[in-house]
């Protein structure tokens, strides 16, 4: 899979939005806005590569990418929260 510079910028922008959205969905993580944005960017990267491989397709366009990335960021926030708190949600 080849990513252009514009594709990377879109992933970063979508990750910023998804991180903020995931921080609003998963409350009490204690990472703050910067930490949630970093998790959102990581969630965007994971979702961009993983969801098409799993055959999960919501649609096309920027809105579907934000939804993918928000789901990936929420999953990553929950995993980090589980690891950080020793298995308690």
PDB file of N, CA and C in Angstrom:
ATOM      1  N   UNK A   1       0.843  -1.170   0.000  1.00  0.00           N
ATOM      2  CA  UNK A   1       0.000   0.000   0.000  1.00  0.00           C
ATOM      3  C   UNK A   1       0.891   1.238   0.000  1.00  0.00           C
ATOM      4  N   UNK A   2       0.631   2.136  -0.911  1.00  0.00           N
ATOM      5  CA  UNK A   2       1.418   3.352  -1.033  1.00  0.00           C
ATOM      6  C   UNK A   2       0.636   4.535  -0.463  1.00  0.00           C
ATOM      7  N   UNK A   3       1.258   5.292   0.427  1.00  0.00           N
ATOM      8  CA  UNK A   3       0.647   6.488   0.987  1.00  0.00           C
ATOM      9  C   UNK A   3       1.391   7.712   0.496  1.00  0.00           C
ATOM     10  N   UNK A   4       0.663   8.643  -0.074  1.00  0.00           N
ATOM     11  CA  UNK A   4       1.271   9.889  -0.511  1.00  0.00           C
ATOM     12  C   UNK A   4       1.366  10.839   0.675  1.00  0.00           C
ATOM     13  N   UNK A   5       2.015  11.948   0.467  1.00  0.00           N
ATOM     14  CA  UNK A   5       2.112  12.949   1.532  1.00  0.00           C
ATOM     15  C   UNK A   5       0.739  13.477   1.917  1.00  0.00           C
ATOM     16  N   UNK A   6      -0.133  13.652   0.942  1.00  0.00           N
ATOM     17  CA  UNK A   6      -1.493  14.118   1.236  1.00  0.00           C
ATOM     18  C   UNK A   6      -2.258  13.077   2.044  1.00  0.00           C
ATOM     19  N   UNK A   7      -2.041  11.806   1.743  1.00  0.00           N
ATOM     20  CA  UNK A   7      -2.704  10.745   2.492  1.00  0.00           C
ATOM     21  C   UNK A   7      -2.281  10.725   3.946  1.00  0.00           C
ATOM     22  N   UNK A   8      -1.013  10.964   4.191  1.00  0.00           N
ATOM     23  CA  UNK A   8      -0.522  11.014   5.567  1.00  0.00           C
ATOM     24  C   UNK A   8      -1.104  12.218   6.296  1.00  0.00           C
ATOM     25  N   UNK A   9      -1.193  13.355   5.607  1.00  0.00           N
ATOM     26  CA  UNK A   9      -1.789  14.538   6.227  1.00  0.00           C
ATOM     27  C   UNK A   9      -3.266  14.322   6.556  1.00  0.00           C
ATOM     28  N   UNK A  10      -3.978  13.637   5.675  1.00  0.00           N
ATOM     29  CA  UNK A  10      -5.383  13.342   5.943  1.00  0.00           C
ATOM     30  C   UNK A  10      -5.503  12.418   7.146  1.00  0.00           C
ATOM     31  N   UNK A  11      -4.638  11.413   7.238  1.00  0.00           N
ATOM     32  CA  UNK A  11      -4.671  10.504   8.386  1.00  0.00           C
ATOM     33  C   UNK A  11      -4.391  11.271   9.672  1.00  0.00           C
ATOM     34  N   UNK A  12      -3.446  12.194   9.642  1.00  0.00           N
ATOM     35  CA  UNK A  12      -3.146  12.986  10.834  1.00  0.00           C
ATOM     36  C   UNK A  12      -4.317  13.886  11.223  1.00  0.00           C
ATOM     37  N   UNK A  13      -4.928  14.545  10.241  1.00  0.00           N
ATOM     38  CA  UNK A  13      -6.073  15.405  10.527  1.00  0.00           C
ATOM     39  C   UNK A  13      -7.237  14.598  11.082  1.00  0.00           C
ATOM     40  N   UNK A  14      -7.521  13.480  10.438  1.00  0.00           N
ATOM     41  CA  UNK A  14      -8.610  12.618  10.902  1.00  0.00           C
ATOM     42  C   UNK A  14      -8.288  12.081  12.296  1.00  0.00           C
ATOM     43  N   UNK A  15      -7.021  11.783  12.545  1.00  0.00           N
ATOM     44  CA  UNK A  15      -6.615  11.320  13.872  1.00  0.00           C
ATOM     45  C   UNK A  15      -6.826  12.368  14.936  1.00  0.00           C
ATOM     46  N   UNK A  16      -6.582  13.625  14.600  1.00  0.00           N
ATOM     47  CA  UNK A  16      -6.839  14.714  15.551  1.00  0.00           C
ATOM     48  C   UNK A  16      -8.317  14.783  15.919  1.00  0.00           C
ATOM     49  N   UNK A  17      -9.168  14.727  14.907  1.00  0.00           N
ATOM     50  CA  UNK A  17     -10.614  14.783  15.152  1.00  0.00           C
ATOM     51  C   UNK A  17     -11.077  13.532  15.899  1.00  0.00           C
ATOM     52  N   UNK A  18     -10.584  12.376  15.487  1.00  0.00           N
ATOM     53  CA  UNK A  18     -10.992  11.118  16.122  1.00  0.00           C
ATOM     54  C   UNK A  18     -10.503  11.042  17.558  1.00  0.00           C
ATOM     55  N   UNK A  19      -9.307  11.559  17.833  1.00  0.00           N
ATOM     56  CA  UNK A  19      -8.799  11.563  19.208  1.00  0.00           C
ATOM     57  C   UNK A  19      -9.635  12.427  20.116  1.00  0.00           C
ATOM     58  N   UNK A  20     -10.035  13.577  19.614  1.00  0.00           N
ATOM     59  CA  UNK A  20     -10.895  14.454  20.408  1.00  0.00           C
ATOM     60  C   UNK A  20     -12.236  13.774  20.653  1.00  0.00           C
ATOM     61  N   UNK A  21     -12.794  13.158  19.604  1.00  0.00           N
ATOM     62  CA  UNK A  21     -14.078  12.480  19.714  1.00  0.00           C
ATOM     63  C   UNK A  21     -13.990  11.283  20.658  1.00  0.00           C
ATOM     64  N   UNK A  22     -12.918  10.518  20.561  1.00  0.00           N
ATOM     65  CA  UNK A  22     -12.742   9.358  21.450  1.00  0.00           C
ATOM     66  C   UNK A  22     -12.571   9.801  22.891  1.00  0.00           C
ATOM     67  N   UNK A  23     -11.901  10.932  23.107  1.00  0.00           N
ATOM     68  CA  UNK A  23     -11.772  11.461  24.465  1.00  0.00           C
ATOM     69  C   UNK A  23     -13.109  11.845  25.057  1.00  0.00           C
ATOM     70  N   UNK A  24     -14.035  12.303  24.219  1.00  0.00           N
ATOM     71  CA  UNK A  24     -15.380  12.637  24.685  1.00  0.00           C
ATOM     72  C   UNK A  24     -16.202  11.381  24.952  1.00  0.00           C
ATOM     73  N   UNK A  25     -15.979  10.335  24.138  1.00  0.00           N
ATOM     74  CA  UNK A  25     -16.739   9.091  24.311  1.00  0.00           C
ATOM     75  C   UNK A  25     -16.250   8.326  25.532  1.00  0.00           C
ATOM     76  N   UNK A  26     -14.935   8.166  25.661  1.00  0.00           N
ATOM     77  CA  UNK A  26     -14.346   7.419  26.773  1.00  0.00           C
ATOM     78  C   UNK A  26     -13.872   8.441  27.807  1.00  0.00           C
ATOM     79  N   UNK A  27     -14.660   8.635  28.804  1.00  0.00           N
ATOM     80  CA  UNK A  27     -14.310   9.631  29.814  1.00  0.00           C
ATOM     81  C   UNK A  27     -13.513   8.981  30.942  1.00  0.00           C
ATOM     82  N   UNK A  28     -12.741   9.800  31.625  1.00  0.00           N
ATOM     83  CA  UNK A  28     -12.020   9.328  32.790  1.00  0.00           C
ATOM     84  C   UNK A  28     -10.712   8.630  32.505  1.00  0.00           C
ATOM     85  N   UNK A  29     -10.159   8.801  31.293  1.00  0.00           N
ATOM     86  CA  UNK A  29      -8.916   8.122  30.987  1.00  0.00           C
ATOM     87  C   UNK A  29      -7.723   8.837  31.585  1.00  0.00           C
ATOM     88  N   UNK A  30      -7.828  10.147  31.803  1.00  0.00           N
ATOM     89  CA  UNK A  30      -6.747  10.882  32.442  1.00  0.00           C
ATOM     90  C   UNK A  30      -5.594  11.251  31.536  1.00  0.00           C
ATOM     91  N   UNK A  31      -5.774  11.193  30.216  1.00  0.00           N
ATOM     92  CA  UNK A  31      -4.697  11.526  29.290  1.00  0.00           C
ATOM     93  C   UNK A  31      -4.728  12.984  28.860  1.00  0.00           C
ATOM     94  N   UNK A  32      -5.857  13.638  29.014  1.00  0.00           N
ATOM     95  CA  UNK A  32      -5.967  15.022  28.581  1.00  0.00           C
ATOM     96  C   UNK A  32      -6.134  15.106  27.079  1.00  0.00           C
ATOM     97  N   UNK A  33      -6.249  16.321  26.594  1.00  0.00           N
ATOM     98  CA  UNK A  33      -6.524  16.518  25.176  1.00  0.00           C
ATOM     99  C   UNK A  33      -5.342  16.106  24.303  1.00  0.00           C
ATOM    100  N   UNK A  34      -4.116  16.386  24.741  1.00  0.00           N
ATOM    101  CA  UNK A  34      -2.935  16.032  23.945  1.00  0.00           C
ATOM    102  C   UNK A  34      -2.777  14.514  23.865  1.00  0.00           C
ATOM    103  N   UNK A  35      -2.938  13.844  24.982  1.00  0.00           N
ATOM    104  CA  UNK A  35      -2.834  12.382  24.993  1.00  0.00           C
ATOM    105  C   UNK A  35      -3.921  11.725  24.168  1.00  0.00           C
ATOM    106  N   UNK A  36      -5.143  12.256  24.256  1.00  0.00           N
ATOM    107  CA  UNK A  36      -6.239  11.702  23.466  1.00  0.00           C
ATOM    108  C   UNK A  36      -6.003  11.914  21.972  1.00  0.00           C
ATOM    109  N   UNK A  37      -5.433  13.053  21.620  1.00  0.00           N
ATOM    110  CA  UNK A  37      -5.139  13.313  20.211  1.00  0.00           C
ATOM    111  C   UNK A  37      -4.061  12.357  19.706  1.00  0.00           C
ATOM    112  N   UNK A  38      -3.047  12.104  20.517  1.00  0.00           N
ATOM    113  CA  UNK A  38      -2.001  11.145  20.120  1.00  0.00           C
ATOM    114  C   UNK A  38      -2.584   9.749  19.952  1.00  0.00           C
ATOM    115  N   UNK A  39      -3.454   9.345  20.874  1.00  0.00           N
ATOM    116  CA  UNK A  39      -4.129   8.055  20.745  1.00  0.00           C
ATOM    117  C   UNK A  39      -5.019   8.048  19.511  1.00  0.00           C
ATOM    118  N   UNK A  40      -5.652   9.185  19.208  1.00  0.00           N
ATOM    119  CA  UNK A  40      -6.487   9.282  18.008  1.00  0.00           C
ATOM    120  C   UNK A  40      -5.686   9.116  16.737  1.00  0.00           C
ATOM    121  N   UNK A  41      -4.495   9.702  16.696  1.00  0.00           N
ATOM    122  CA  UNK A  41      -3.644   9.542  15.519  1.00  0.00           C
ATOM    123  C   UNK A  41      -3.220   8.088  15.373  1.00  0.00           C
ATOM    124  N   UNK A  42      -2.861   7.451  16.492  1.00  0.00           N
ATOM    125  CA  UNK A  42      -2.508   6.029  16.441  1.00  0.00           C
ATOM    126  C   UNK A  42      -3.717   5.192  16.034  1.00  0.00           C
ATOM    127  N   UNK A  43      -4.897   5.540  16.538  1.00  0.00           N
ATOM    128  CA  UNK A  43      -6.119   4.837  16.155  1.00  0.00           C
ATOM    129  C   UNK A  43      -6.434   5.012  14.679  1.00  0.00           C
ATOM    130  N   UNK A  44      -6.158   6.207  14.155  1.00  0.00           N
ATOM    131  CA  UNK A  44      -6.377   6.444  12.727  1.00  0.00           C
ATOM    132  C   UNK A  44      -5.442   5.587  11.889  1.00  0.00           C
ATOM    133  N   UNK A  45      -4.203   5.486  12.299  1.00  0.00           N
ATOM    134  CA  UNK A  45      -3.251   4.654  11.565  1.00  0.00           C
ATOM    135  C   UNK A  45      -3.647   3.185  11.622  1.00  0.00           C
ATOM    136  N   UNK A  46      -4.026   2.727  12.808  1.00  0.00           N
ATOM    137  CA  UNK A  46      -4.436   1.329  12.960  1.00  0.00           C
ATOM    138  C   UNK A  46      -5.694   1.056  12.135  1.00  0.00           C
ATOM    139  N   UNK A  47      -6.676   1.955  12.225  1.00  0.00           N
ATOM    140  CA  UNK A  47      -7.936   1.742  11.516  1.00  0.00           C
ATOM    141  C   UNK A  47      -7.748   1.785  10.008  1.00  0.00           C
ATOM    142  N   UNK A  48      -6.861   2.663   9.535  1.00  0.00           N
ATOM    143  CA  UNK A  48      -6.632   2.779   8.099  1.00  0.00           C
ATOM    144  C   UNK A  48      -6.065   1.497   7.515  1.00  0.00           C
ATOM    145  N   UNK A  49      -5.205   0.824   8.254  1.00  0.00           N
ATOM    146  CA  UNK A  49      -4.595  -0.397   7.748  1.00  0.00           C
ATOM    147  C   UNK A  49      -5.378  -1.655   8.120  1.00  0.00           C
ATOM    148  N   UNK A  50      -6.006  -1.682   9.299  1.00  0.00           N
ATOM    149  CA  UNK A  50      -6.617  -2.906   9.803  1.00  0.00           C
ATOM    150  C   UNK A  50      -8.029  -3.145   9.271  1.00  0.00           C
ATOM    151  N   UNK A  51      -8.877  -2.131   9.262  1.00  0.00           N
ATOM    152  CA  UNK A  51     -10.273  -2.336   8.887  1.00  0.00           C
ATOM    153  C   UNK A  51     -10.454  -2.851   7.464  1.00  0.00           C
ATOM    154  N   UNK A  52      -9.748  -2.313   6.459  1.00  0.00           N
ATOM    155  CA  UNK A  52      -9.901  -2.898   5.123  1.00  0.00           C
ATOM    156  C   UNK A  52      -9.438  -4.356   5.044  1.00  0.00           C
ATOM    157  N   UNK A  53      -8.416  -4.708   5.828  1.00  0.00           N
ATOM    158  CA  UNK A  53      -7.946  -6.095   5.840  1.00  0.00           C
ATOM    159  C   UNK A  53      -8.988  -7.028   6.447  1.00  0.00           C
ATOM    160  N   UNK A  54      -9.763  -6.520   7.421  1.00  0.00           N
ATOM    161  CA  UNK A  54     -10.797  -7.321   8.063  1.00  0.00           C
ATOM    162  C   UNK A  54     -12.092  -7.350   7.256  1.00  0.00           C
ATOM    163  N   UNK A  55     -12.156  -6.548   6.203  1.00  0.00           N
ATOM    164  CA  UNK A  55     -13.352  -6.505   5.373  1.00  0.00           C
ATOM    165  C   UNK A  55     -14.437  -5.608   5.924  1.00  0.00           C
ATOM    166  N   UNK A  56     -14.091  -4.697   6.817  1.00  0.00           N
ATOM    167  CA  UNK A  56     -15.062  -3.780   7.402  1.00  0.00           C
ATOM    168  C   UNK A  56     -15.084  -2.514   6.550  1.00  0.00           C
ATOM    169  N   UNK A  57     -16.243  -2.242   5.944  1.00  0.00           N
ATOM    170  CA  UNK A  57     -16.386  -1.073   5.087  1.00  0.00           C
ATOM    171  C   UNK A  57     -17.654  -0.326   5.483  1.00  0.00           C
ATOM    172  N   UNK A  58     -17.498   0.907   5.923  1.00  0.00           N
ATOM    173  CA  UNK A  58     -18.653   1.731   6.282  1.00  0.00           C
ATOM    174  C   UNK A  58     -19.092   2.559   5.082  1.00  0.00           C
ATOM    175  N   UNK A  59     -18.148   3.036   4.340  1.00  0.00           N
ATOM    176  CA  UNK A  59     -18.452   3.867   3.182  1.00  0.00           C
ATOM    177  C   UNK A  59     -17.175   4.511   2.693  1.00  0.00           C
ATOM    178  N   UNK A  60     -17.328   5.585   1.947  1.00  0.00           N
ATOM    179  CA  UNK A  60     -16.169   6.293   1.436  1.00  0.00           C
ATOM    180  C   UNK A  60     -16.239   7.747   1.881  1.00  0.00           C
ATOM    181  N   UNK A  61     -15.120   8.402   1.821  1.00  0.00           N
ATOM    182  CA  UNK A  61     -15.080   9.818   2.143  1.00  0.00           C
ATOM    183  C   UNK A  61     -14.503  10.098   3.509  1.00  0.00           C
ATOM    184  N   UNK A  62     -14.464  11.373   3.813  1.00  0.00           N
ATOM    185  CA  UNK A  62     -13.839  11.835   5.043  1.00  0.00           C
ATOM    186  C   UNK A  62     -14.628  11.441   6.284  1.00  0.00           C
ATOM    187  N   UNK A  63     -15.958  11.451   6.190  1.00  0.00           N
ATOM    188  CA  UNK A  63     -16.783  11.105   7.348  1.00  0.00           C
ATOM    189  C   UNK A  63     -16.574   9.646   7.746  1.00  0.00           C
ATOM    190  N   UNK A  64     -16.501   8.758   6.777  1.00  0.00           N
ATOM    191  CA  UNK A  64     -16.279   7.351   7.111  1.00  0.00           C
ATOM    192  C   UNK A  64     -14.892   7.146   7.706  1.00  0.00           C
ATOM    193  N   UNK A  65     -13.899   7.907   7.232  1.00  0.00           N
ATOM    194  CA  UNK A  65     -12.563   7.815   7.813  1.00  0.00           C
ATOM    195  C   UNK A  65     -12.560   8.285   9.264  1.00  0.00           C
ATOM    196  N   UNK A  66     -13.320   9.341   9.553  1.00  0.00           N
ATOM    197  CA  UNK A  66     -13.416   9.813  10.934  1.00  0.00           C
ATOM    198  C   UNK A  66     -14.086   8.763  11.804  1.00  0.00           C
ATOM    199  N   UNK A  67     -15.112   8.103  11.283  1.00  0.00           N
ATOM    200  CA  UNK A  67     -15.786   7.043  12.052  1.00  0.00           C
ATOM    201  C   UNK A  67     -14.840   5.872  12.291  1.00  0.00           C
ATOM    202  N   UNK A  68     -14.127   5.435  11.236  1.00  0.00           N
ATOM    203  CA  UNK A  68     -13.128   4.374  11.401  1.00  0.00           C
ATOM    204  C   UNK A  68     -12.119   4.742  12.477  1.00  0.00           C
ATOM    205  N   UNK A  69     -11.586   5.933  12.368  1.00  0.00           N
ATOM    206  CA  UNK A  69     -10.530   6.362  13.277  1.00  0.00           C
ATOM    207  C   UNK A  69     -11.035   6.536  14.693  1.00  0.00           C
ATOM    208  N   UNK A  70     -12.258   7.019  14.841  1.00  0.00           N
ATOM    209  CA  UNK A  70     -12.825   7.160  16.179  1.00  0.00           C
ATOM    210  C   UNK A  70     -13.008   5.794  16.834  1.00  0.00           C
ATOM    211  N   UNK A  71     -13.450   4.820  16.051  1.00  0.00           N
ATOM    212  CA  UNK A  71     -13.588   3.459  16.589  1.00  0.00           C
ATOM    213  C   UNK A  71     -12.216   2.914  16.987  1.00  0.00           C
ATOM    214  N   UNK A  72     -11.219   3.104  16.123  1.00  0.00           N
ATOM    215  CA  UNK A  72      -9.866   2.661  16.451  1.00  0.00           C
ATOM    216  C   UNK A  72      -9.308   3.368  17.675  1.00  0.00           C
ATOM    217  N   UNK A  73      -9.584   4.662  17.811  1.00  0.00           N
ATOM    218  CA  UNK A  73      -9.088   5.415  18.960  1.00  0.00           C
ATOM    219  C   UNK A  73      -9.789   4.998  20.247  1.00  0.00           C
ATOM    220  N   UNK A  74     -11.087   4.735  20.179  1.00  0.00           N
ATOM    221  CA  UNK A  74     -11.812   4.282  21.372  1.00  0.00           C
ATOM    222  C   UNK A  74     -11.270   2.932  21.820  1.00  0.00           C
ATOM    223  N   UNK A  75     -11.037   2.030  20.871  1.00  0.00           N
ATOM    224  CA  UNK A  75     -10.484   0.717  21.214  1.00  0.00           C
ATOM    225  C   UNK A  75      -9.097   0.880  21.839  1.00  0.00           C
ATOM    226  N   UNK A  76      -8.259   1.734  21.252  1.00  0.00           N
ATOM    227  CA  UNK A  76      -6.924   1.951  21.820  1.00  0.00           C
ATOM    228  C   UNK A  76      -6.988   2.603  23.198  1.00  0.00           C
ATOM    229  N   UNK A  77      -7.895   3.563  23.387  1.00  0.00           N
ATOM    230  CA  UNK A  77      -8.041   4.179  24.705  1.00  0.00           C
ATOM    231  C   UNK A  77      -8.476   3.157  25.751  1.00  0.00           C
ATOM    232  N   UNK A  78      -9.395   2.270  25.376  1.00  0.00           N
ATOM    233  CA  UNK A  78      -9.828   1.237  26.320  1.00  0.00           C
ATOM    234  C   UNK A  78      -8.704   0.255  26.636  1.00  0.00           C
ATOM    235  N   UNK A  79      -7.911  -0.112  25.634  1.00  0.00           N
ATOM    236  CA  UNK A  79      -6.790  -1.023  25.871  1.00  0.00           C
ATOM    237  C   UNK A  79      -5.741  -0.370  26.771  1.00  0.00           C
ATOM    238  N   UNK A  80      -5.413   0.884  26.473  1.00  0.00           N
ATOM    239  CA  UNK A  80      -4.430   1.591  27.304  1.00  0.00           C
ATOM    240  C   UNK A  80      -4.951   1.757  28.719  1.00  0.00           C
ATOM    241  N   UNK A  81      -6.238   2.022  28.846  1.00  0.00           N
ATOM    242  CA  UNK A  81      -6.844   2.160  30.177  1.00  0.00           C
ATOM    243  C   UNK A  81      -6.795   0.835  30.938  1.00  0.00           C
ATOM    244  N   UNK A  82      -7.057  -0.283  30.245  1.00  0.00           N
ATOM    245  CA  UNK A  82      -6.978  -1.591  30.895  1.00  0.00           C
ATOM    246  C   UNK A  82      -5.567  -1.892  31.373  1.00  0.00           C
ATOM    247  N   UNK A  83      -4.581  -1.604  30.541  1.00  0.00           N
ATOM    248  CA  UNK A  83      -3.190  -1.865  30.905  1.00  0.00           C
ATOM    249  C   UNK A  83      -2.761  -0.963  32.062  1.00  0.00           C
ATOM    250  N   UNK A  84      -3.161   0.287  31.991  1.00  0.00           N
ATOM    251  CA  UNK A  84      -2.749   1.268  32.993  1.00  0.00           C
ATOM    252  C   UNK A  84      -3.373   1.028  34.356  1.00  0.00           C
ATOM    253  N   UNK A  85      -4.629   0.568  34.385  1.00  0.00           N
ATOM    254  CA  UNK A  85      -5.323   0.374  35.662  1.00  0.00           C
ATOM    255  C   UNK A  85      -5.227  -1.063  36.169  1.00  0.00           C
ATOM    256  N   UNK A  86      -4.529  -1.915  35.461  1.00  0.00           N
ATOM    257  CA  UNK A  86      -4.359  -3.292  35.927  1.00  0.00           C
ATOM    258  C   UNK A  86      -5.562  -4.175  35.658  1.00  0.00           C
ATOM    259  N   UNK A  87      -6.329  -3.916  34.612  1.00  0.00           N
ATOM    260  CA  UNK A  87      -7.432  -4.786  34.239  1.00  0.00           C
ATOM    261  C   UNK A  87      -8.795  -4.269  34.635  1.00  0.00           C
ATOM    262  N   UNK A  88      -8.886  -3.107  35.267  1.00  0.00           N
ATOM    263  CA  UNK A  88     -10.180  -2.553  35.625  1.00  0.00           C
ATOM    264  C   UNK A  88     -10.566  -1.474  34.614  1.00  0.00           C
ATOM    265  N   UNK A  89     -11.828  -1.492  34.189  1.00  0.00           N
ATOM    266  CA  UNK A  89     -12.338  -0.425  33.337  1.00  0.00           C
ATOM    267  C   UNK A  89     -12.943   0.584  34.234  1.00  0.00           C
TER     268      UNK A  89
END
